[in-house]
PDB file of N, CA and C in Angstrom:
ATOM      1  N   MET A   1      52.110  57.730  56.081  1.00  0.00           N
ATOM      2  CA  MET A   1      52.652  58.035  55.064  1.00  0.00           C
ATOM      3  C   MET A   1      52.737  59.724  54.585  1.00  0.00           C
ATOM      4  N   GLN A   2      51.995  60.175  55.419  1.00  0.00           N
ATOM      5  CA  GLN A   2      51.452  61.732  54.977  1.00  0.00           C
ATOM      6  C   GLN A   2      52.934  62.506  55.559  1.00  0.00           C
ATOM      7  N   GLY A   3      53.119  61.696  56.737  1.00  0.00           N
ATOM      8  CA  GLY A   3      54.105  62.405  57.172  1.00  0.00           C
ATOM      9  C   GLY A   3      55.493  62.384  56.629  1.00  0.00           C
ATOM     10  N   ILE A   4      55.642  61.508  56.198  1.00  0.00           N
ATOM     11  CA  ILE A   4      56.803  61.382  55.374  1.00  0.00           C
ATOM     12  C   ILE A   4      57.004  62.762  54.461  1.00  0.00           C
ATOM     13  N   ARG A   5      56.025  62.585  52.997  1.00  0.00           N
ATOM     14  CA  ARG A   5      55.784  63.402  52.044  1.00  0.00           C
ATOM     15  C   ARG A   5      55.675  64.559  52.771  1.00  0.00           C
ATOM     16  N   ALA A   6      54.965  65.311  53.778  1.00  0.00           N
ATOM     17  CA  ALA A   6      55.382  67.039  54.314  1.00  0.00           C
ATOM     18  C   ALA A   6      56.652  66.732  54.658  1.00  0.00           C
ATOM     19  N   ARG A   7      57.514  65.386  55.179  1.00  0.00           N
ATOM     20  CA  ARG A   7      59.003  66.032  55.269  1.00  0.00           C
ATOM     21  C   ARG A   7      59.874  66.038  53.918  1.00  0.00           C
ATOM     22  N   SER A   8      59.777  65.117  53.145  1.00  0.00           N
ATOM     23  CA  SER A   8      60.000  65.815  52.052  1.00  0.00           C
ATOM     24  C   SER A   8      59.952  66.793  51.415  1.00  0.00           C
ATOM     25  N   ASN A   9      59.051  67.265  51.353  1.00  0.00           N
ATOM     26  CA  ASN A   9      58.314  68.623  50.785  1.00  0.00           C
ATOM     27  C   ASN A   9      59.053  69.325  50.779  1.00  0.00           C
ATOM     28  N   ASP A  10      59.353  69.008  52.015  1.00  0.00           N
ATOM     29  CA  ASP A  10      59.929  70.418  53.329  1.00  0.00           C
ATOM     30  C   ASP A  10      61.160  71.056  53.096  1.00  0.00           C
ATOM     31  N   THR A  11      61.928  69.596  52.973  1.00  0.00           N
ATOM     32  CA  THR A  11      63.150  69.574  52.476  1.00  0.00           C
ATOM     33  C   THR A  11      63.472  70.144  51.297  1.00  0.00           C
ATOM     34  N   LEU A  12      62.425  69.247  50.198  1.00  0.00           N
ATOM     35  CA  LEU A  12      62.603  70.223  49.220  1.00  0.00           C
ATOM     36  C   LEU A  12      62.442  71.896  48.938  1.00  0.00           C
ATOM     37  N   GLY A  13      61.331  72.071  49.767  1.00  0.00           N
ATOM     38  CA  GLY A  13      61.096  73.715  49.616  1.00  0.00           C
ATOM     39  C   GLY A  13      62.761  74.272  50.094  1.00  0.00           C
ATOM     40  N   ARG A  14      63.138  74.159  51.267  1.00  0.00           N
ATOM     41  CA  ARG A  14      64.623  74.529  51.536  1.00  0.00           C
ATOM     42  C   ARG A  14      65.311  74.142  50.769  1.00  0.00           C
ATOM     43  N   VAL A  15      65.584  73.285  50.070  1.00  0.00           N
ATOM     44  CA  VAL A  15      66.923  72.819  49.297  1.00  0.00           C
ATOM     45  C   VAL A  15      66.440  73.818  47.696  1.00  0.00           C
ATOM     46  N   GLY A  16      64.984  74.279  47.212  1.00  0.00           N
ATOM     47  CA  GLY A  16      65.044  74.675  46.084  1.00  0.00           C
ATOM     48  C   GLY A  16      65.013  76.934  46.368  1.00  0.00           C
ATOM     49  N   MET A  17      64.756  77.032  48.129  1.00  0.00           N
ATOM     50  CA  MET A  17      65.212  77.913  48.249  1.00  0.00           C
ATOM     51  C   MET A  17      66.715  77.808  48.018  1.00  0.00           C
ATOM     52  N   TYR A  18      67.575  77.508  49.179  1.00  0.00           N
ATOM     53  CA  TYR A  18      68.978  77.260  48.669  1.00  0.00           C
ATOM     54  C   TYR A  18      69.506  77.960  47.379  1.00  0.00           C
ATOM     55  N   LEU A  19      68.835  76.929  46.536  1.00  0.00           N
ATOM     56  CA  LEU A  19      69.268  77.463  44.959  1.00  0.00           C
ATOM     57  C   LEU A  19      69.129  78.827  44.502  1.00  0.00           C
ATOM     58  N   LEU A  20      67.786  78.531  44.835  1.00  0.00           N
ATOM     59  CA  LEU A  20      67.364  79.624  44.445  1.00  0.00           C
ATOM     60  C   LEU A  20      67.828  81.490  44.871  1.00  0.00           C
ATOM     61  N   ARG A  21      68.718  81.432  46.039  1.00  0.00           N
ATOM     62  CA  ARG A  21      69.507  82.242  46.508  1.00  0.00           C
ATOM     63  C   ARG A  21      71.084  81.749  46.031  1.00  0.00           C
ATOM     64  N   LYS A  22      71.630  80.781  46.220  1.00  0.00           N
ATOM     65  CA  LYS A  22      73.056  81.074  44.837  1.00  0.00           C
ATOM     66  C   LYS A  22      72.802  80.995  43.852  1.00  0.00           C
ATOM     67  N   PHE A  23      71.794  81.001  43.176  1.00  0.00           N
ATOM     68  CA  PHE A  23      72.505  81.597  41.688  1.00  0.00           C
ATOM     69  C   PHE A  23      71.577  82.186  41.084  1.00  0.00           C
ATOM     70  N   GLN A  24      70.565  83.032  42.010  1.00  0.00           N
ATOM     71  CA  GLN A  24      69.977  84.244  41.863  1.00  0.00           C
ATOM     72  C   GLN A  24      69.273  84.073  40.474  1.00  0.00           C
ATOM     73  N   PHE A  25      68.273  83.132  40.477  1.00  0.00           N
ATOM     74  CA  PHE A  25      67.449  83.307  39.462  1.00  0.00           C
ATOM     75  C   PHE A  25      66.390  84.486  39.168  1.00  0.00           C
ATOM     76  N   PRO A  26      66.118  84.754  38.165  1.00  0.00           N
ATOM     77  CA  PRO A  26      65.217  86.065  38.023  1.00  0.00           C
ATOM     78  C   PRO A  26      63.607  85.838  38.729  1.00  0.00           C
ATOM     79  N   VAL A  27      63.150  87.222  38.976  1.00  0.00           N
ATOM     80  CA  VAL A  27      62.533  87.288  40.396  1.00  0.00           C
ATOM     81  C   VAL A  27      60.894  86.430  39.609  1.00  0.00           C
ATOM     82  N   LYS A  28      60.875  86.566  38.158  1.00  0.00           N
ATOM     83  CA  LYS A  28      59.918  86.217  37.331  1.00  0.00           C
ATOM     84  C   LYS A  28      60.276  84.378  36.956  1.00  0.00           C
ATOM     85  N   THR A  29      61.292  83.707  37.099  1.00  0.00           N
ATOM     86  CA  THR A  29      61.591  81.973  37.108  1.00  0.00           C
ATOM     87  C   THR A  29      61.329  81.835  38.683  1.00  0.00           C
ATOM     88  N   ALA A  30      61.681  82.276  39.638  1.00  0.00           N
ATOM     89  CA  ALA A  30      60.899  81.856  40.805  1.00  0.00           C
ATOM     90  C   ALA A  30      59.911  81.918  40.769  1.00  0.00           C
ATOM     91  N   MET A  31      58.714  82.642  40.675  1.00  0.00           N
ATOM     92  CA  MET A  31      57.491  83.604  41.005  1.00  0.00           C
ATOM     93  C   MET A  31      56.359  81.761  40.204  1.00  0.00           C
ATOM     94  N   VAL A  32      57.128  81.616  39.103  1.00  0.00           N
ATOM     95  CA  VAL A  32      56.625  80.398  38.434  1.00  0.00           C
ATOM     96  C   VAL A  32      57.006  79.128  38.756  1.00  0.00           C
ATOM     97  N   VAL A  33      58.511  79.029  39.271  1.00  0.00           N
ATOM     98  CA  VAL A  33      58.502  77.892  40.079  1.00  0.00           C
ATOM     99  C   VAL A  33      57.755  77.624  41.248  1.00  0.00           C
ATOM    100  N   GLY A  34      57.730  78.467  41.522  1.00  0.00           N
ATOM    101  CA  GLY A  34      56.850  78.362  43.269  1.00  0.00           C
ATOM    102  C   GLY A  34      55.150  78.199  42.605  1.00  0.00           C
ATOM    103  N   TYR A  35      54.741  78.988  41.598  1.00  0.00           N
ATOM    104  CA  TYR A  35      53.000  78.771  41.458  1.00  0.00           C
ATOM    105  C   TYR A  35      52.925  77.094  41.247  1.00  0.00           C
ATOM    106  N   VAL A  36      54.328  76.632  40.477  1.00  0.00           N
ATOM    107  CA  VAL A  36      53.606  75.122  40.169  1.00  0.00           C
ATOM    108  C   VAL A  36      54.028  74.584  41.406  1.00  0.00           C
ATOM    109  N   LEU A  37      54.487  74.647  41.969  1.00  0.00           N
ATOM    110  CA  LEU A  37      54.979  73.643  42.982  1.00  0.00           C
ATOM    111  C   LEU A  37      53.536  74.164  43.777  1.00  0.00           C
ATOM    112  N   VAL A  38      52.786  74.897  44.123  1.00  0.00           N
ATOM    113  CA  VAL A  38      51.875  75.489  45.278  1.00  0.00           C
ATOM    114  C   VAL A  38      50.323  74.482  43.908  1.00  0.00           C
ATOM    115  N   ILE A  39      50.715  74.806  42.955  1.00  0.00           N
ATOM    116  CA  ILE A  39      49.095  74.266  42.095  1.00  0.00           C
ATOM    117  C   ILE A  39      49.498  72.349  42.585  1.00  0.00           C
ATOM    118  N   ARG A  40      50.993  71.457  42.334  1.00  0.00           N
ATOM    119  CA  ARG A  40      51.076  70.374  42.853  1.00  0.00           C
ATOM    120  C   ARG A  40      50.856  70.135  43.663  1.00  0.00           C
ATOM    121  N   GLU A  41      51.283  70.450  45.135  1.00  0.00           N
ATOM    122  CA  GLU A  41      50.661  70.308  46.556  1.00  0.00           C
ATOM    123  C   GLU A  41      49.393  70.752  46.545  1.00  0.00           C
ATOM    124  N   ALA A  42      48.407  71.683  45.593  1.00  0.00           N
ATOM    125  CA  ALA A  42      46.564  71.297  45.776  1.00  0.00           C
ATOM    126  C   ALA A  42      46.258  70.148  45.219  1.00  0.00           C
ATOM    127  N   LEU A  43      46.828  70.335  44.389  1.00  0.00           N
ATOM    128  CA  LEU A  43      46.340  68.789  43.282  1.00  0.00           C
ATOM    129  C   LEU A  43      46.354  67.627  44.132  1.00  0.00           C
ATOM    130  N   VAL A  44      47.799  66.898  44.678  1.00  0.00           N
ATOM    131  CA  VAL A  44      47.477  66.427  45.816  1.00  0.00           C
ATOM    132  C   VAL A  44      46.789  66.222  46.590  1.00  0.00           C
ATOM    133  N   LEU A  45      46.391  67.742  47.432  1.00  0.00           N
ATOM    134  CA  LEU A  45      45.626  67.792  48.704  1.00  0.00           C
ATOM    135  C   LEU A  45      44.214  66.876  48.354  1.00  0.00           C
ATOM    136  N   TRP A  46      43.802  67.672  47.002  1.00  0.00           N
ATOM    137  CA  TRP A  46      42.321  67.546  46.496  1.00  0.00           C
ATOM    138  C   TRP A  46      42.503  66.286  46.322  1.00  0.00           C
ATOM    139  N   SER A  47      42.856  65.753  45.520  1.00  0.00           N
ATOM    140  CA  SER A  47      42.559  64.102  45.280  1.00  0.00           C
ATOM    141  C   SER A  47      42.292  63.006  45.801  1.00  0.00           C
TER     142      SER A  47
END
């Protein structure tokens, strides 16, 4: 299960980067989204 989760997160990351480039969100928005994703990952790893 761990491998599947890691792969899906990797895919989500690539899609997210593609969307950021495509729509060129403000840097602040991108930072907030990245911060939230990192926090979520940390919670998953530590739980």
